[in-house]
């Protein structure tokens, strides 16, 4: 994380706390310097009560806590917005991935079917070559040889279909 983004991240929180502390200091200055000029604290008991007024530091901490809660709410809002955008992009990417996978599956099925056809053609071609070479050597085809050839062709087709 860069220094600039860290500064901008805490800028709102710093401003909020500065406002709260400034208000509290102005209140303290009013109580110490302005009110005595109007003789609002003439007696000792009044001054004791004035001392108790410094218990109002709780107001400072309460104000800071409230400011922190408000700042956290704004941060959460920002994070939720970013998270929604990220989820939307993830969904789009998953849709594209699913589509590509479906296309790949279809192409693989086509490829398997083509390989099956190629295997059939190669097997039949091998049989034709075998019987062709036998006929060139002068072998005669009798009924059992033809039956064996048909069985062999049938077996090859069954193996290829599996």
C-alpha atoms as a PDB file:
ATOM      1  CA  UNK A   1       0.000   0.000   0.000  1.00  0.00           C
ATOM      2  CA  UNK A   2       1.426   3.388  -0.900  1.00  0.00           C
ATOM      3  CA  UNK A   3       1.762   6.267   1.517  1.00  0.00           C
ATOM      4  CA  UNK A   4      -0.748   8.315  -0.462  1.00  0.00           C
ATOM      5  CA  UNK A   5      -3.496   5.689  -0.174  1.00  0.00           C
ATOM      6  CA  UNK A   6      -2.816   5.307   3.574  1.00  0.00           C
ATOM      7  CA  UNK A   7      -3.150   9.066   4.030  1.00  0.00           C
ATOM      8  CA  UNK A   8      -6.396   9.202   2.077  1.00  0.00           C
ATOM      9  CA  UNK A   9      -7.698   6.196   3.998  1.00  0.00           C
ATOM     10  CA  UNK A  10      -7.390   7.945   7.369  1.00  0.00           C
ATOM     11  CA  UNK A  11      -8.114  11.482   6.200  1.00  0.00           C
ATOM     12  CA  UNK A  12     -11.832  11.355   7.081  1.00  0.00           C
ATOM     13  CA  UNK A  13     -11.138   9.853  10.491  1.00  0.00           C
ATOM     14  CA  UNK A  14      -8.499  12.486  11.248  1.00  0.00           C
ATOM     15  CA  UNK A  15     -10.848  15.317  10.258  1.00  0.00           C
ATOM     16  CA  UNK A  16     -13.659  13.870  12.380  1.00  0.00           C
ATOM     17  CA  UNK A  17     -11.489  13.511  15.473  1.00  0.00           C
ATOM     18  CA  UNK A  18     -10.034  16.991  14.922  1.00  0.00           C
ATOM     19  CA  UNK A  19     -13.537  18.495  14.882  1.00  0.00           C
ATOM     20  CA  UNK A  20     -14.510  16.693  18.091  1.00  0.00           C
ATOM     21  CA  UNK A  21     -11.328  17.740  19.911  1.00  0.00           C
ATOM     22  CA  UNK A  22     -11.701  21.351  18.683  1.00  0.00           C
ATOM     23  CA  UNK A  23     -15.265  21.535  20.024  1.00  0.00           C
ATOM     24  CA  UNK A  24     -14.146  20.129  23.370  1.00  0.00           C
ATOM     25  CA  UNK A  25     -11.240  22.607  23.621  1.00  0.00           C
ATOM     26  CA  UNK A  26     -13.556  25.509  22.770  1.00  0.00           C
ATOM     27  CA  UNK A  27     -15.884  24.362  25.540  1.00  0.00           C
ATOM     28  CA  UNK A  28     -12.964  24.214  27.989  1.00  0.00           C
ATOM     29  CA  UNK A  29     -11.743  27.690  27.006  1.00  0.00           C
ATOM     30  CA  UNK A  30     -15.270  29.015  27.459  1.00  0.00           C
ATOM     31  CA  UNK A  31     -15.489  27.493  30.937  1.00  0.00           C
ATOM     32  CA  UNK A  32     -12.064  28.704  32.064  1.00  0.00           C
ATOM     33  CA  UNK A  33     -11.711  32.150  30.517  1.00  0.00           C
ATOM     34  CA  UNK A  34     -15.085  33.487  29.451  1.00  0.00           C
ATOM     35  CA  UNK A  35     -17.406  32.401  32.273  1.00  0.00           C
ATOM     36  CA  UNK A  36     -15.220  33.817  35.130  1.00  0.00           C
ATOM     37  CA  UNK A  37     -15.340  37.266  33.491  1.00  0.00           C
ATOM     38  CA  UNK A  38     -19.087  37.269  33.987  1.00  0.00           C
ATOM     39  CA  UNK A  39     -18.571  36.159  37.626  1.00  0.00           C
ATOM     40  CA  UNK A  40     -20.396  32.926  37.123  1.00  0.00           C
ATOM     41  CA  UNK A  41     -17.984  31.076  39.481  1.00  0.00           C
ATOM     42  CA  UNK A  42     -17.662  33.416  42.469  1.00  0.00           C
ATOM     43  CA  UNK A  43     -17.551  30.936  45.394  1.00  0.00           C
ATOM     44  CA  UNK A  44     -15.287  28.057  46.333  1.00  0.00           C
ATOM     45  CA  UNK A  45     -18.077  25.502  45.962  1.00  0.00           C
ATOM     46  CA  UNK A  46     -18.708  26.853  42.502  1.00  0.00           C
ATOM     47  CA  UNK A  47     -15.041  26.335  41.748  1.00  0.00           C
ATOM     48  CA  UNK A  48     -15.328  22.758  43.099  1.00  0.00           C
ATOM     49  CA  UNK A  49     -18.212  22.162  40.784  1.00  0.00           C
ATOM     50  CA  UNK A  50     -16.127  23.665  38.059  1.00  0.00           C
ATOM     51  CA  UNK A  51     -13.427  21.090  38.822  1.00  0.00           C
ATOM     52  CA  UNK A  52     -16.004  18.360  38.531  1.00  0.00           C
ATOM     53  CA  UNK A  53     -16.704  19.719  35.083  1.00  0.00           C
ATOM     54  CA  UNK A  54     -13.439  18.153  33.924  1.00  0.00           C
ATOM     55  CA  UNK A  55     -15.198  14.849  34.244  1.00  0.00           C
ATOM     56  CA  UNK A  56     -16.636  15.894  30.930  1.00  0.00           C
ATOM     57  CA  UNK A  57     -13.587  14.381  29.334  1.00  0.00           C
ATOM     58  CA  UNK A  58     -15.930  11.427  29.042  1.00  0.00           C
ATOM     59  CA  UNK A  59     -17.805  13.506  26.530  1.00  0.00           C
ATOM     60  CA  UNK A  60     -14.619  13.704  24.470  1.00  0.00           C
ATOM     61  CA  UNK A  61     -14.183   9.956  24.473  1.00  0.00           C
ATOM     62  CA  UNK A  62     -17.852   9.406  23.762  1.00  0.00           C
ATOM     63  CA  UNK A  63     -17.666  11.829  20.852  1.00  0.00           C
ATOM     64  CA  UNK A  64     -14.555  10.078  19.538  1.00  0.00           C
ATOM     65  CA  UNK A  65     -16.265   6.701  19.847  1.00  0.00           C
ATOM     66  CA  UNK A  66     -19.305   7.985  17.986  1.00  0.00           C
ATOM     67  CA  UNK A  67     -17.072   9.451  15.305  1.00  0.00           C
ATOM     68  CA  UNK A  68     -15.254   6.111  15.020  1.00  0.00           C
ATOM     69  CA  UNK A  69     -18.534   4.249  14.618  1.00  0.00           C
ATOM     70  CA  UNK A  70     -19.708   6.663  11.916  1.00  0.00           C
ATOM     71  CA  UNK A  71     -16.381   6.376  10.105  1.00  0.00           C
ATOM     72  CA  UNK A  72     -16.555   2.572  10.301  1.00  0.00           C
ATOM     73  CA  UNK A  73     -20.020   2.614   8.771  1.00  0.00           C
ATOM     74  CA  UNK A  74     -18.736   4.627   5.815  1.00  0.00           C
ATOM     75  CA  UNK A  75     -15.780   2.254   5.395  1.00  0.00           C
ATOM     76  CA  UNK A  76     -18.110  -0.746   5.431  1.00  0.00           C
ATOM     77  CA  UNK A  77     -20.316   0.876   2.820  1.00  0.00           C
ATOM     78  CA  UNK A  78     -17.309   1.366   0.563  1.00  0.00           C
ATOM     79  CA  UNK A  79     -16.104  -2.196   1.117  1.00  0.00           C
ATOM     80  CA  UNK A  80     -19.552  -3.638   0.409  1.00  0.00           C
ATOM     81  CA  UNK A  81     -19.754  -1.681  -2.832  1.00  0.00           C
ATOM     82  CA  UNK A  82     -16.369  -3.042  -3.911  1.00  0.00           C
ATOM     83  CA  UNK A  83     -17.373  -6.549  -2.888  1.00  0.00           C
ATOM     84  CA  UNK A  84     -20.563  -6.377  -4.963  1.00  0.00           C
ATOM     85  CA  UNK A  85     -18.563  -5.292  -8.003  1.00  0.00           C
ATOM     86  CA  UNK A  86     -16.114  -8.147  -7.455  1.00  0.00           C
ATOM     87  CA  UNK A  87     -18.951 -10.681  -7.136  1.00  0.00           C
ATOM     88  CA  UNK A  88     -20.518  -9.399 -10.351  1.00  0.00           C
ATOM     89  CA  UNK A  89     -17.206  -9.793 -12.194  1.00  0.00           C
ATOM     90  CA  UNK A  90     -16.754 -13.277 -10.720  1.00  0.00           C
ATOM     91  CA  UNK A  91     -20.220 -14.340 -11.893  1.00  0.00           C
ATOM     92  CA  UNK A  92     -19.490 -13.075 -15.404  1.00  0.00           C
ATOM     93  CA  UNK A  93     -16.187 -14.941 -15.469  1.00  0.00           C
ATOM     94  CA  UNK A  94     -17.857 -18.152 -14.266  1.00  0.00           C
ATOM     95  CA  UNK A  95     -20.493 -17.857 -17.007  1.00  0.00           C
ATOM     96  CA  UNK A  96     -17.775 -17.453 -19.625  1.00  0.00           C
ATOM     97  CA  UNK A  97     -15.866 -20.393 -18.194  1.00  0.00           C
ATOM     98  CA  UNK A  98     -18.970 -22.609 -18.203  1.00  0.00           C
ATOM     99  CA  UNK A  99     -19.718 -21.630 -21.792  1.00  0.00           C
ATOM    100  CA  UNK A 100     -16.164 -22.429 -22.868  1.00  0.00           C
ATOM    101  CA  UNK A 101     -16.320 -25.765 -21.071  1.00  0.00           C
ATOM    102  CA  UNK A 102     -19.574 -26.687 -22.844  1.00  0.00           C
ATOM    103  CA  UNK A 103     -18.025 -25.823 -26.211  1.00  0.00           C
ATOM    104  CA  UNK A 104     -14.973 -27.905 -25.349  1.00  0.00           C
ATOM    105  CA  UNK A 105     -17.177 -30.852 -24.383  1.00  0.00           C
ATOM    106  CA  UNK A 106     -19.077 -30.655 -27.686  1.00  0.00           C
ATOM    107  CA  UNK A 107     -15.831 -30.512 -29.649  1.00  0.00           C
ATOM    108  CA  UNK A 108     -14.409 -33.468 -27.738  1.00  0.00           C
ATOM    109  CA  UNK A 109     -17.520 -35.522 -28.521  1.00  0.00           C
ATOM    110  CA  UNK A 110     -17.154 -34.649 -32.210  1.00  0.00           C
ATOM    111  CA  UNK A 111     -13.496 -35.606 -32.058  1.00  0.00           C
ATOM    112  CA  UNK A 112     -14.327 -38.971 -30.431  1.00  0.00           C
ATOM    113  CA  UNK A 113     -16.925 -39.686 -33.108  1.00  0.00           C
ATOM    114  CA  UNK A 114     -14.435 -38.813 -35.847  1.00  0.00           C
ATOM    115  CA  UNK A 115     -11.776 -41.042 -34.283  1.00  0.00           C
ATOM    116  CA  UNK A 116     -14.314 -43.862 -34.103  1.00  0.00           C
ATOM    117  CA  UNK A 117     -15.102 -43.484 -37.814  1.00  0.00           C
ATOM    118  CA  UNK A 118     -11.394 -43.297 -38.619  1.00  0.00           C
ATOM    119  CA  UNK A 119     -10.766 -46.487 -36.663  1.00  0.00           C
ATOM    120  CA  UNK A 120     -13.528 -48.272 -38.533  1.00  0.00           C
ATOM    121  CA  UNK A 121     -12.128 -47.124 -41.855  1.00  0.00           C
ATOM    122  CA  UNK A 122      -8.587 -48.125 -40.891  1.00  0.00           C
ATOM    123  CA  UNK A 123      -9.744 -51.595 -39.766  1.00  0.00           C
ATOM    124  CA  UNK A 124     -11.740 -52.180 -42.906  1.00  0.00           C
ATOM    125  CA  UNK A 125      -8.881 -50.900 -45.021  1.00  0.00           C
ATOM    126  CA  UNK A 126      -6.513 -53.332 -43.306  1.00  0.00           C
ATOM    127  CA  UNK A 127      -8.894 -56.208 -44.010  1.00  0.00           C
ATOM    128  CA  UNK A 128      -9.235 -55.182 -47.643  1.00  0.00           C
ATOM    129  CA  UNK A 129      -5.466 -54.997 -47.956  1.00  0.00           C
ATOM    130  CA  UNK A 130      -5.133 -58.444 -46.365  1.00  0.00           C
ATOM    131  CA  UNK A 131      -7.683 -60.073 -48.657  1.00  0.00           C
ATOM    132  CA  UNK A 132      -6.254 -58.202 -51.614  1.00  0.00           C
ATOM    133  CA  UNK A 133      -2.790 -59.536 -50.903  1.00  0.00           C
ATOM    134  CA  UNK A 134      -4.239 -63.045 -50.521  1.00  0.00           C
ATOM    135  CA  UNK A 135      -5.996 -62.760 -53.868  1.00  0.00           C
ATOM    136  CA  UNK A 136      -2.801 -61.581 -55.542  1.00  0.00           C
ATOM    137  CA  UNK A 137      -1.029 -64.648 -54.200  1.00  0.00           C
ATOM    138  CA  UNK A 138      -3.642 -66.762 -55.898  1.00  0.00           C
ATOM    139  CA  UNK A 139      -5.576 -67.901 -52.865  1.00  0.00           C
ATOM    140  CA  UNK A 140      -9.144 -68.841 -53.528  1.00  0.00           C
ATOM    141  CA  UNK A 141     -11.906 -67.794 -51.243  1.00  0.00           C
ATOM    142  CA  UNK A 142     -13.979 -70.627 -50.077  1.00  0.00           C
ATOM    143  CA  UNK A 143     -17.013 -70.396 -47.889  1.00  0.00           C
ATOM    144  CA  UNK A 144     -15.212 -70.820 -44.499  1.00  0.00           C
ATOM    145  CA  UNK A 145     -12.681 -68.106 -45.378  1.00  0.00           C
ATOM    146  CA  UNK A 146     -15.452 -65.679 -46.241  1.00  0.00           C
ATOM    147  CA  UNK A 147     -17.251 -66.550 -43.019  1.00  0.00           C
ATOM    148  CA  UNK A 148     -14.036 -65.906 -41.085  1.00  0.00           C
ATOM    149  CA  UNK A 149     -13.632 -62.575 -42.883  1.00  0.00           C
ATOM    150  CA  UNK A 150     -17.202 -61.583 -42.013  1.00  0.00           C
ATOM    151  CA  UNK A 151     -16.684 -62.598 -38.372  1.00  0.00           C
ATOM    152  CA  UNK A 152     -13.438 -60.664 -38.250  1.00  0.00           C
ATOM    153  CA  UNK A 153     -15.095 -57.585 -39.732  1.00  0.00           C
ATOM    154  CA  UNK A 154     -17.970 -57.949 -37.278  1.00  0.00           C
ATOM    155  CA  UNK A 155     -15.523 -58.298 -34.354  1.00  0.00           C
ATOM    156  CA  UNK A 156     -13.643 -55.200 -35.455  1.00  0.00           C
ATOM    157  CA  UNK A 157     -16.876 -53.206 -35.677  1.00  0.00           C
ATOM    158  CA  UNK A 158     -17.884 -54.371 -32.178  1.00  0.00           C
ATOM    159  CA  UNK A 159     -14.497 -53.422 -30.734  1.00  0.00           C
ATOM    160  CA  UNK A 160     -14.620 -49.994 -32.365  1.00  0.00           C
ATOM    161  CA  UNK A 161     -18.188 -49.358 -31.150  1.00  0.00           C
ATOM    162  CA  UNK A 162     -17.169 -50.112 -27.589  1.00  0.00           C
END
